[in-house]
Amino acid sequence: MSDPWALARYQVIAAYIALVPKRGGRQTLLLQLAARSWSGPDGEMFTVSAETLRVWARRYRLGGLDGLRDATPAKPGIHALTEAEVAMFCDLKSEVAARSLDRLIQIAESMGLIAVGKARRSTVHRALKAEDLSARRPSAAAKDDLDRFETGFPNELWQSDMLEGPLLPDPDKKGAFRRAWLYTFLDDHSRMCLHGRFSFKGDLPALELVFRRSLQKFGKPVRVYYDNGAVYRSGHMRHIVGCLGIHAIVFTRVRRPMGHGKIEAFNRLIVSAFLAEIAASTIKTLDQLNEAWLAWSDGVYNVTIHGETGERPRDRWRRRLADVRFADQHKLRDAFLWKENRTPDKSGIFSLFGVEYQVGFALAKKRIEVRYDPESLSLVKAWFQDKLVERVPPFSVNRHRRPHPEPAATATETKRKTPKKPAATANWLGYLVAKRRQQNFVEPTPQMFAESLAAHRAEADAAVFDVIAVRMESTAGRCPRPDSLH
């Protein structure tokens, strides 16, 4: 049975279709038809514009009378996903409210919860909206991150900042919790996360450890850009920069951190994409937190296309690998040594952070300078009058005593059980850590890449020189002898 509105539309364009006016007269005929009033199936009069008449004529030529029918409205609801898949996405969103649409799809596809490419952002959005789970949470406006700039090559500028982390069980006090703090270094040009580490103390040794690992893995920056925190303005940080030949430390203006926008944006991403996932994980210790951080930063962030640059941070950094400068390992180690003045007693014993050391009797009761690595106190250096005198291990006294057995657990402690936490729907951080362990792949360091690139260049240069030498020899063989010219 023909559609009544399709017949009514054909009645309007019939003259235009049947007469087929010559070029130049079509617009005149369309305007004449548009100026008339037409009767619809229900008897009511209606008018149509000339552009609509042209569209109807095109639809009729392509599909005949069926082309003039009204389009069948789409059925309401989500049809691309099954009910179980819709429920799965709702559970993932309810578990961690900060998960974005892209991250929900990434988690579901990576963990095998749905086929790759089946779920689209619009489909997932409609599914969440139907359950009132897609409302955008209000966030504080980043009014300070307004300035935009970008350095021209990798390692021209590094940015660093400290971020407040989660509360973890205190390993020293049972039942207590301690706040973890994260230091990170970010390359301005590529936006690559060079290194980051959580620690219970946001002090200078924690910052220097992250800075040291960044220098070991990715070479020396031209400049470093910090905020006005006390640890960043410390004298030892200036000492490290001076020893390694880094140009300078640049600080943000007081109460005007506009230029720190990249690291601030990176911190917001960490809060929404990493710290929010801790609620769905089984992380309880600082080591587990740092392992999950490395799995996320290296396996997700550094290999994901950046919205501003349009490239993966790791690929963008490696493009100019030949220009990267690497620090000498001996200078790097000496630059991070701390210095303290001590006066050993008559036995040559002095204390450093609660650890006792003993130097030779020649240095007893003399003012010495102790240089040490805060990362490892297993060996310190004793300097006297600007000369290295001794390398000193910790002093130990053998105590002859009978070892006591460990106390047996009481019946009350044996019966006491910790309530089990319900299994998470998607332990995304646990999945990343397991994947990193399963791959068991140690990625070559940037310095290894640079050395390989230099070797390839040397081989190419040698091949070019060989070709030039062969051509010069052949040219010399064709030249006449000097005596034949007379």
Protein backbone atom coordinates (compact mmCIF):
# COMPACT_ATOMS: atom_id res chain seq x y z
CA MET A 1 0.00 0.00 0.00
CA SER A 2 1.36 3.38 -1.02
CA ASP A 3 2.18 5.92 1.63
CA PRO A 4 -0.33 8.85 1.47
CA TRP A 5 2.36 11.43 2.13
CA ALA A 6 4.56 9.95 -0.59
CA LEU A 7 1.67 10.37 -3.07
CA ALA A 8 1.09 13.94 -1.88
CA ARG A 9 4.75 14.81 -2.37
CA TYR A 10 4.74 13.27 -5.84
CA GLN A 11 1.71 15.39 -6.72
CA VAL A 12 3.72 18.49 -5.88
CA ILE A 13 6.80 17.58 -7.96
CA ALA A 14 4.96 15.77 -10.79
CA ALA A 15 5.06 18.78 -13.10
CA TYR A 16 8.77 19.27 -12.45
CA ILE A 17 9.53 15.56 -13.06
CA ALA A 18 7.30 15.18 -16.15
CA LEU A 19 8.08 18.42 -17.98
CA VAL A 20 11.84 18.35 -17.41
CA PRO A 21 12.36 22.03 -18.17
CA LYS A 22 15.44 23.19 -19.99
CA ARG A 23 18.48 24.42 -18.11
CA GLY A 24 17.76 27.91 -16.89
CA GLY A 25 14.02 27.31 -16.56
CA ARG A 26 14.17 24.84 -13.67
CA GLN A 27 14.53 27.45 -10.99
CA THR A 28 11.58 29.41 -12.41
CA LEU A 29 9.36 26.31 -12.35
CA LEU A 30 10.42 25.45 -8.78
CA LEU A 31 9.56 28.96 -7.63
CA GLN A 32 6.15 28.72 -9.29
CA LEU A 33 5.43 25.37 -7.58
CA ALA A 34 6.65 26.74 -4.23
CA ALA A 35 4.30 29.72 -4.51
CA ARG A 36 1.23 27.47 -4.65
CA SER A 37 -0.62 25.82 -1.76
CA TRP A 38 -1.12 22.06 -1.82
CA SER A 39 -3.60 19.73 -0.15
CA GLY A 40 -2.25 17.05 2.17
CA PRO A 41 -3.68 13.58 2.91
CA ASP A 42 -5.66 14.99 5.83
CA GLY A 43 -7.14 17.80 3.71
CA GLU A 44 -5.03 20.55 5.26
CA MET A 45 -3.18 22.93 2.95
CA PHE A 46 0.61 23.20 3.07
CA THR A 47 3.37 25.01 1.22
CA VAL A 48 6.87 23.83 0.32
CA SER A 49 10.06 25.80 -0.36
CA ALA A 50 11.91 25.51 -3.66
CA GLU A 51 14.89 23.83 -1.98
CA THR A 52 12.64 21.15 -0.45
CA LEU A 53 11.09 20.51 -3.88
CA ARG A 54 14.57 20.00 -5.32
CA VAL A 55 15.34 17.47 -2.54
CA TRP A 56 12.09 15.59 -3.19
CA ALA A 57 12.84 15.41 -6.90
CA ARG A 58 16.30 14.00 -6.19
CA ARG A 59 14.87 11.40 -3.78
CA TYR A 60 12.28 10.34 -6.38
CA ARG A 61 14.90 9.86 -9.10
CA LEU A 62 17.00 7.71 -6.77
CA GLY A 63 14.31 5.62 -5.10
CA GLY A 64 11.06 6.16 -6.93
CA LEU A 65 7.90 6.51 -4.88
CA ASP A 66 9.53 4.74 -1.93
CA GLY A 67 12.13 7.50 -1.84
CA LEU A 68 9.39 9.97 -0.92
CA ARG A 69 8.34 8.03 2.17
CA ASP A 70 9.13 9.32 5.64
CA ALA A 71 12.23 7.75 7.15
CA THR A 72 11.45 5.01 9.64
CA PRO A 73 12.33 6.33 13.10
CA ALA A 74 15.01 4.41 14.95
CA LYS A 75 13.80 2.22 17.76
CA PRO A 76 14.57 3.70 21.15
CA GLY A 77 17.19 1.99 23.27
CA ILE A 78 20.68 0.51 22.88
CA HIS A 79 20.81 -2.12 20.15
CA ALA A 80 24.56 -2.36 19.43
CA LEU A 81 25.23 -3.78 22.91
CA THR A 82 23.62 -6.65 24.74
CA GLU A 83 21.99 -6.16 28.12
CA ALA A 84 24.96 -7.84 29.79
CA GLU A 85 27.41 -5.49 28.05
CA VAL A 86 25.35 -2.44 29.01
CA ALA A 87 25.31 -3.65 32.63
CA MET A 88 29.07 -4.23 32.45
CA PHE A 89 29.74 -0.62 31.36
CA CYS A 90 27.43 0.68 34.09
CA ASP A 91 29.31 -1.38 36.68
CA LEU A 92 32.67 -0.09 35.44
CA LYS A 93 31.44 3.50 35.68
CA SER A 94 29.85 3.00 39.10
CA GLU A 95 33.04 1.39 40.40
CA VAL A 96 35.23 4.40 39.49
CA ALA A 97 33.15 7.47 38.69
CA ALA A 98 36.14 9.32 37.19
CA ARG A 99 36.48 6.85 34.30
CA SER A 100 35.94 8.60 30.98
CA LEU A 101 34.19 7.07 27.97
CA ASP A 102 37.49 6.37 26.21
CA ARG A 103 38.94 4.73 29.31
CA LEU A 104 35.82 2.60 29.84
CA ILE A 105 36.08 1.29 26.28
CA GLN A 106 39.85 0.79 26.64
CA ILE A 107 39.44 -1.21 29.86
CA ALA A 108 36.63 -3.35 28.45
CA GLU A 109 38.52 -4.13 25.23
CA SER A 110 41.91 -4.71 26.89
CA MET A 111 40.51 -7.08 29.52
CA GLY A 112 38.45 -9.03 26.97
CA LEU A 113 35.08 -7.94 28.35
CA ILE A 114 33.87 -6.87 24.88
CA ALA A 115 34.99 -7.32 21.28
CA VAL A 116 37.37 -4.68 19.95
CA GLY A 117 35.53 -2.01 17.95
CA LYS A 118 32.03 -3.05 19.03
CA ALA A 119 31.44 -0.26 21.56
CA ARG A 120 31.38 3.34 20.39
CA ARG A 121 31.57 6.42 22.55
CA SER A 122 28.06 7.56 21.62
CA THR A 123 26.61 4.12 22.38
CA VAL A 124 28.31 3.90 25.77
CA HIS A 125 27.24 7.47 26.53
CA ARG A 126 23.58 6.66 25.83
CA ALA A 127 23.80 3.53 27.96
CA LEU A 128 25.25 5.47 30.89
CA LYS A 129 22.86 8.37 30.42
CA ALA A 130 19.88 6.03 30.67
CA GLU A 131 21.16 5.00 34.12
CA ASP A 132 22.00 8.59 35.11
CA LEU A 133 25.73 7.81 35.18
CA SER A 134 27.02 10.13 32.47
CA ALA A 135 26.65 13.51 34.17
CA ARG A 136 29.85 15.51 33.95
CA ARG A 137 31.20 16.25 37.39
CA PRO A 138 31.94 19.93 38.03
CA SER A 139 35.65 20.59 38.28
CA ALA A 140 37.57 23.59 39.43
CA ALA A 141 38.31 25.92 36.56
CA ALA A 142 42.01 26.04 35.74
CA LYS A 143 42.20 29.81 35.52
CA ASP A 144 45.96 29.85 36.06
CA ASP A 145 46.87 27.55 33.16
CA LEU A 146 46.43 30.15 30.42
CA ASP A 147 49.82 30.69 28.80
CA ARG A 148 50.84 28.41 25.93
CA PHE A 149 54.37 27.68 24.81
CA GLU A 150 56.33 24.68 23.57
CA THR A 151 60.04 24.06 23.31
CA GLY A 152 61.57 23.15 19.98
CA PHE A 153 63.25 19.82 20.77
CA PRO A 154 63.34 17.11 23.47
CA ASN A 155 65.25 17.81 26.68
CA GLU A 156 65.23 21.54 26.07
CA LEU A 157 63.06 21.96 29.16
CA TRP A 158 61.93 19.61 31.91
CA GLN A 159 59.07 20.41 34.26
CA SER A 160 58.53 18.87 37.68
CA ASP A 161 55.94 19.01 40.42
CA MET A 162 54.75 17.16 43.51
CA LEU A 163 51.26 15.63 43.73
CA GLU A 164 49.33 14.40 46.74
CA GLY A 165 48.79 10.65 46.55
CA PRO A 166 46.59 8.11 48.35
CA LEU A 167 46.61 7.00 51.97
CA LEU A 168 48.33 3.65 52.50
CA PRO A 169 48.76 1.46 55.59
CA ASP A 170 51.76 2.60 57.62
CA PRO A 171 54.36 -0.20 57.62
CA ASP A 172 55.79 1.07 60.93
CA LYS A 173 52.54 1.56 62.87
CA LYS A 174 49.87 -1.10 62.79
CA GLY A 175 46.43 0.30 62.09
CA ALA A 176 47.74 3.72 61.02
CA PHE A 177 47.86 5.24 57.54
CA ARG A 178 50.35 7.51 55.81
CA ARG A 179 50.01 9.82 52.84
CA ALA A 180 52.03 8.98 49.72
CA TRP A 181 53.47 11.80 47.61
CA LEU A 182 54.39 11.66 43.93
CA TYR A 183 57.29 13.48 42.25
CA THR A 184 57.32 13.44 38.43
CA PHE A 185 59.45 14.92 35.64
CA LEU A 186 57.85 15.78 32.29
CA ASP A 187 59.58 16.69 29.02
CA ASP A 188 58.04 19.91 27.70
CA HIS A 189 58.43 19.18 23.97
CA SER A 190 57.17 15.59 23.82
CA ARG A 191 55.00 15.58 27.01
CA MET A 192 56.68 12.29 27.91
CA CYS A 193 56.72 11.26 31.56
CA LEU A 194 60.43 10.71 32.18
CA HIS A 195 60.16 9.21 35.63
CA GLY A 196 57.97 9.35 38.71
CA ARG A 197 57.93 7.76 42.13
CA PHE A 198 55.72 7.70 45.21
CA SER A 199 57.22 8.07 48.67
CA PHE A 200 55.94 8.67 52.18
CA LYS A 201 58.11 11.78 52.52
CA GLY A 202 57.93 14.62 50.03
CA ASP A 203 61.43 15.74 50.98
CA LEU A 204 64.60 16.54 49.05
CA PRO A 205 66.01 12.95 48.90
CA ALA A 206 62.74 11.74 47.33
CA LEU A 207 62.90 14.51 44.70
CA GLU A 208 66.57 13.90 43.94
CA LEU A 209 65.97 10.18 43.46
CA VAL A 210 63.38 10.87 40.74
CA PHE A 211 65.63 13.52 39.16
CA ARG A 212 68.55 11.10 39.20
CA ARG A 213 66.58 8.31 37.51
CA SER A 214 65.37 10.75 34.84
CA LEU A 215 68.94 11.84 34.10
CA GLN A 216 70.17 8.25 33.95
CA LYS A 217 67.48 7.17 31.50
CA PHE A 218 66.93 10.23 29.30
CA GLY A 219 70.07 12.35 29.38
CA LYS A 220 70.59 15.96 30.47
CA PRO A 221 68.09 18.77 29.94
CA VAL A 222 69.09 22.25 28.90
CA ARG A 223 66.92 23.80 31.62
CA VAL A 224 64.63 22.64 34.40
CA TYR A 225 61.41 24.45 35.34
CA TYR A 226 60.17 24.24 38.94
CA ASP A 227 57.67 25.92 41.18
CA ASN A 228 58.66 27.76 44.35
CA GLY A 229 58.65 24.79 46.72
CA ALA A 230 61.37 24.67 49.35
CA VAL A 231 62.83 21.39 48.04
CA TYR A 232 63.18 22.83 44.53
CA ARG A 233 64.95 25.95 45.83
CA SER A 234 67.41 23.99 47.97
CA GLY A 235 71.11 24.63 47.61
CA HIS A 236 71.84 21.01 46.77
CA MET A 237 69.55 21.12 43.72
CA ARG A 238 71.54 24.10 42.46
CA HIS A 239 74.74 22.16 43.18
CA ILE A 240 73.54 19.22 41.05
CA VAL A 241 72.60 21.49 38.15
CA GLY A 242 75.99 23.21 38.29
CA CYS A 243 77.98 19.95 38.42
CA LEU A 244 76.18 18.45 35.41
CA GLY A 245 76.39 21.54 33.21
CA ILE A 246 72.64 22.15 33.04
CA HIS A 247 71.99 25.73 31.97
CA ALA A 248 69.84 26.94 34.84
CA ILE A 249 66.86 26.36 37.08
CA VAL A 250 63.83 28.44 36.12
CA PHE A 251 61.18 29.09 38.76
CA THR A 252 57.60 30.18 38.30
CA ARG A 253 56.60 33.59 39.53
CA VAL A 254 55.17 33.74 43.00
CA ARG A 255 51.38 33.20 42.83
CA ARG A 256 51.55 33.12 39.03
CA PRO A 257 52.16 29.52 37.87
CA MET A 258 50.84 30.02 34.31
CA GLY A 259 53.91 28.55 32.62
CA HIS A 260 53.57 25.36 34.66
CA GLY A 261 50.43 24.43 32.74
CA LYS A 262 51.70 21.20 31.16
CA ILE A 263 52.70 19.55 34.43
CA GLU A 264 49.48 20.81 36.06
CA ALA A 265 47.42 19.26 33.25
CA PHE A 266 49.43 16.06 33.65
CA ASN A 267 48.64 16.06 37.37
CA ARG A 268 44.93 16.35 36.63
CA LEU A 269 45.21 13.37 34.28
CA ILE A 270 46.99 11.37 36.99
CA VAL A 271 44.19 12.12 39.45
CA SER A 272 41.42 11.06 37.06
CA ALA A 273 43.13 8.19 35.21
CA PHE A 274 45.48 6.66 37.80
CA LEU A 275 44.67 7.67 41.37
CA ALA A 276 40.94 7.11 40.78
CA GLU A 277 41.68 3.50 39.75
CA ILE A 278 43.29 2.71 43.12
CA ALA A 279 39.81 2.33 44.62
CA ALA A 280 39.23 -0.68 42.32
CA SER A 281 42.66 -2.21 42.94
CA THR A 282 44.29 -4.29 45.66
CA ILE A 283 47.19 -1.89 46.28
CA LYS A 284 48.22 -1.86 49.94
CA THR A 285 51.95 -1.07 49.97
CA LEU A 286 54.22 1.60 48.56
CA ASP A 287 56.06 -0.93 46.37
CA GLN A 288 52.79 -2.08 44.81
CA LEU A 289 51.81 1.54 44.18
CA ASN A 290 55.10 2.33 42.43
CA GLU A 291 54.89 -0.85 40.34
CA ALA A 292 51.39 0.10 39.22
CA TRP A 293 52.60 3.63 38.47
CA LEU A 294 55.38 2.37 36.18
CA ALA A 295 52.95 0.04 34.42
CA TRP A 296 50.51 2.91 33.80
CA SER A 297 53.00 5.65 32.88
CA ASP A 298 55.09 3.49 30.53
CA GLY A 299 52.37 1.18 29.23
CA VAL A 300 49.46 3.61 28.87
CA TYR A 301 50.35 7.30 29.05
CA ASN A 302 53.63 7.37 27.10
CA VAL A 303 52.19 5.24 24.26
CA THR A 304 48.82 7.03 23.93
CA ILE A 305 48.38 9.74 21.29
CA HIS A 306 48.49 13.14 23.00
CA GLY A 307 45.54 15.41 22.32
CA GLU A 308 47.71 18.51 21.82
CA THR A 309 50.63 17.15 19.77
CA GLY A 310 48.78 14.40 17.90
CA GLU A 311 51.67 12.00 18.58
CA ARG A 312 52.64 9.44 21.17
CA PRO A 313 54.95 11.09 23.72
CA ARG A 314 57.55 8.32 23.41
CA ASP A 315 57.66 8.55 19.59
CA ARG A 316 57.88 12.34 19.67
CA TRP A 317 60.80 12.23 22.13
CA ARG A 318 62.74 9.60 20.15
CA ARG A 319 62.52 11.54 16.90
CA ARG A 320 65.43 13.80 17.93
CA LEU A 321 67.35 11.15 19.84
CA ALA A 322 70.63 12.03 18.12
CA ASP A 323 70.61 15.47 19.79
CA VAL A 324 70.25 14.13 23.34
CA ARG A 325 73.23 14.70 25.65
CA PHE A 326 73.98 12.04 28.25
CA ALA A 327 75.80 12.73 31.50
CA ASP A 328 78.99 10.96 32.48
CA GLN A 329 78.09 8.29 35.03
CA HIS A 330 80.93 9.21 37.40
CA LYS A 331 79.99 12.90 37.35
CA LEU A 332 76.35 11.97 37.79
CA ARG A 333 77.11 9.85 40.84
CA ASP A 334 79.34 12.50 42.43
CA ALA A 335 76.84 15.30 41.75
CA PHE A 336 74.20 13.61 43.91
CA LEU A 337 76.51 12.98 46.87
CA TRP A 338 75.53 14.85 50.00
CA LYS A 339 78.10 16.49 52.25
CA GLU A 340 78.15 16.67 56.04
CA ASN A 341 80.86 17.78 58.46
CA ARG A 342 81.68 15.42 61.32
CA THR A 343 84.30 15.18 64.08
CA PRO A 344 85.08 11.54 64.97
CA ASP A 345 85.76 10.73 68.62
CA LYS A 346 89.05 9.37 69.91
CA SER A 347 88.12 5.93 68.55
CA GLY A 348 87.42 7.37 65.08
CA ILE A 349 83.67 6.77 65.35
CA PHE A 350 81.09 9.25 64.06
CA SER A 351 77.36 9.00 63.45
CA LEU A 352 75.37 9.78 60.30
CA PHE A 353 71.56 9.49 60.38
CA GLY A 354 71.78 7.08 63.29
CA VAL A 355 74.38 4.86 61.57
CA GLU A 356 77.86 4.69 63.10
CA TYR A 357 81.05 4.66 61.03
CA GLN A 358 84.70 4.30 62.07
CA VAL A 359 87.62 5.98 60.33
CA GLY A 360 91.32 5.46 60.96
CA PHE A 361 93.00 6.84 64.06
CA ALA A 362 94.75 9.47 61.91
CA LEU A 363 91.38 11.24 61.50
CA ALA A 364 90.28 10.92 65.13
CA LYS A 365 89.13 14.24 66.64
CA LYS A 366 89.66 16.03 63.32
CA ARG A 367 87.04 17.90 61.35
CA ILE A 368 86.28 15.80 58.26
CA GLU A 369 83.80 16.09 55.40
CA VAL A 370 81.60 13.06 54.84
CA ARG A 371 80.22 12.58 51.33
CA TYR A 372 77.47 10.02 50.93
CA ASP A 373 74.63 8.89 48.72
CA PRO A 374 71.31 9.30 50.61
CA GLU A 375 69.93 6.44 48.53
CA SER A 376 72.49 4.05 50.02
CA LEU A 377 74.44 4.49 53.27
CA SER A 378 76.36 1.22 52.89
CA LEU A 379 79.54 3.15 52.04
CA VAL A 380 80.52 6.77 52.69
CA LYS A 381 83.60 8.78 51.74
CA ALA A 382 85.74 10.60 54.31
CA TRP A 383 87.47 13.73 52.96
CA PHE A 384 90.10 15.73 54.81
CA GLN A 385 91.57 18.98 53.48
CA ASP A 386 89.86 18.47 50.09
CA LYS A 387 91.37 15.00 49.64
CA LEU A 388 89.67 11.62 49.70
CA VAL A 389 91.16 9.70 52.61
CA GLU A 390 88.91 6.68 53.21
CA ARG A 391 85.84 4.83 52.03
CA VAL A 392 84.08 3.80 55.21
CA PRO A 393 81.46 1.03 55.69
CA PRO A 394 79.07 1.04 58.67
CA PHE A 395 80.67 0.16 61.99
CA SER A 396 79.37 -2.99 63.64
CA VAL A 397 80.10 -4.59 67.02
CA ASN A 398 79.68 -8.34 67.37
CA ARG A 399 77.44 -9.04 70.34
CA HIS A 400 77.55 -12.54 71.80
CA ARG A 401 74.05 -13.34 72.91
CA ARG A 402 71.68 -16.23 72.59
CA PRO A 403 69.02 -15.68 69.91
CA HIS A 404 65.47 -15.64 71.21
CA PRO A 405 62.78 -17.59 69.35
CA GLU A 406 59.91 -15.73 67.76
CA PRO A 407 56.83 -15.59 70.03
CA ALA A 408 54.07 -17.95 68.97
CA ALA A 409 50.79 -16.50 67.80
CA THR A 410 48.08 -16.47 70.44
CA ALA A 411 44.75 -18.21 69.98
CA THR A 412 42.99 -14.85 69.71
CA GLU A 413 45.29 -13.72 66.88
CA THR A 414 44.83 -17.05 65.12
CA LYS A 415 41.04 -16.79 65.13
CA ARG A 416 41.01 -13.14 64.11
CA LYS A 417 40.37 -12.84 60.39
CA THR A 418 40.46 -9.78 58.21
CA PRO A 419 37.22 -9.31 56.27
CA LYS A 420 37.77 -9.87 52.58
CA LYS A 421 37.22 -7.00 50.22
CA PRO A 422 34.69 -7.82 47.48
CA ALA A 423 36.30 -8.52 44.13
CA ALA A 424 36.41 -5.51 41.84
CA THR A 425 34.66 -5.53 38.50
CA ALA A 426 37.77 -4.35 36.65
CA ASN A 427 41.10 -4.06 38.44
CA TRP A 428 42.64 -1.97 35.67
CA LEU A 429 45.91 -1.26 37.48
CA GLY A 430 46.26 -4.92 38.44
CA TYR A 431 45.75 -5.88 34.80
CA LEU A 432 48.49 -3.45 33.68
CA VAL A 433 50.94 -4.78 36.29
CA ALA A 434 50.22 -8.41 35.32
CA LYS A 435 50.68 -7.56 31.65
CA ARG A 436 53.99 -5.85 32.37
CA ARG A 437 55.21 -8.86 34.34
CA GLN A 438 54.02 -11.32 31.70
CA GLN A 439 55.81 -9.52 28.91
CA ASN A 440 59.03 -9.53 30.95
CA PHE A 441 60.49 -7.11 28.45
CA VAL A 442 63.31 -4.76 29.37
CA GLU A 443 63.15 -1.84 27.00
CA PRO A 444 66.51 -0.53 25.75
CA THR A 445 67.50 2.73 27.36
CA PRO A 446 67.62 5.92 25.26
CA GLN A 447 71.41 5.88 25.57
CA MET A 448 71.48 2.43 23.96
CA PHE A 449 69.30 3.78 21.14
CA ALA A 450 71.66 6.74 20.72
CA GLU A 451 74.75 4.50 20.61
CA SER A 452 73.07 2.25 18.03
CA LEU A 453 72.18 5.29 15.93
CA ALA A 454 75.76 6.58 16.13
CA ALA A 455 77.07 3.17 15.04
CA HIS A 456 74.75 3.14 12.01
CA ARG A 457 75.89 6.64 11.08
CA ALA A 458 79.54 5.61 11.36
CA GLU A 459 78.91 2.62 9.08
CA ALA A 460 77.13 4.84 6.55
CA ASP A 461 79.98 7.38 6.61
CA ALA A 462 82.55 4.61 6.13
CA ALA A 463 80.60 3.27 3.15
CA VAL A 464 80.50 6.74 1.57
CA PHE A 465 84.25 7.18 2.07
CA ASP A 466 84.89 3.79 0.44
CA VAL A 467 82.85 4.77 -2.61
CA ILE A 468 84.70 8.10 -2.89
CA ALA A 469 88.07 6.35 -2.59
CA VAL A 470 87.18 3.85 -5.34
CA ARG A 471 86.07 6.65 -7.66
CA MET A 472 89.24 8.65 -6.99
CA GLU A 473 91.39 5.61 -7.78
CA SER A 474 89.54 4.95 -11.03
CA THR A 475 89.84 8.61 -12.02
CA ALA A 476 93.56 8.61 -11.27
CA GLY A 477 94.01 5.54 -13.50
CA ARG A 478 92.44 7.30 -16.49
CA CYS A 479 94.54 10.47 -16.16
CA PRO A 480 97.57 10.71 -18.56
CA ARG A 481 101.06 10.57 -17.15
CA PRO A 482 102.88 13.89 -16.71
CA ASP A 483 105.71 12.86 -19.10
CA SER A 484 103.23 12.11 -21.91
CA LEU A 485 102.05 15.73 -21.96
CA HIS A 486 105.41 16.94 -23.37
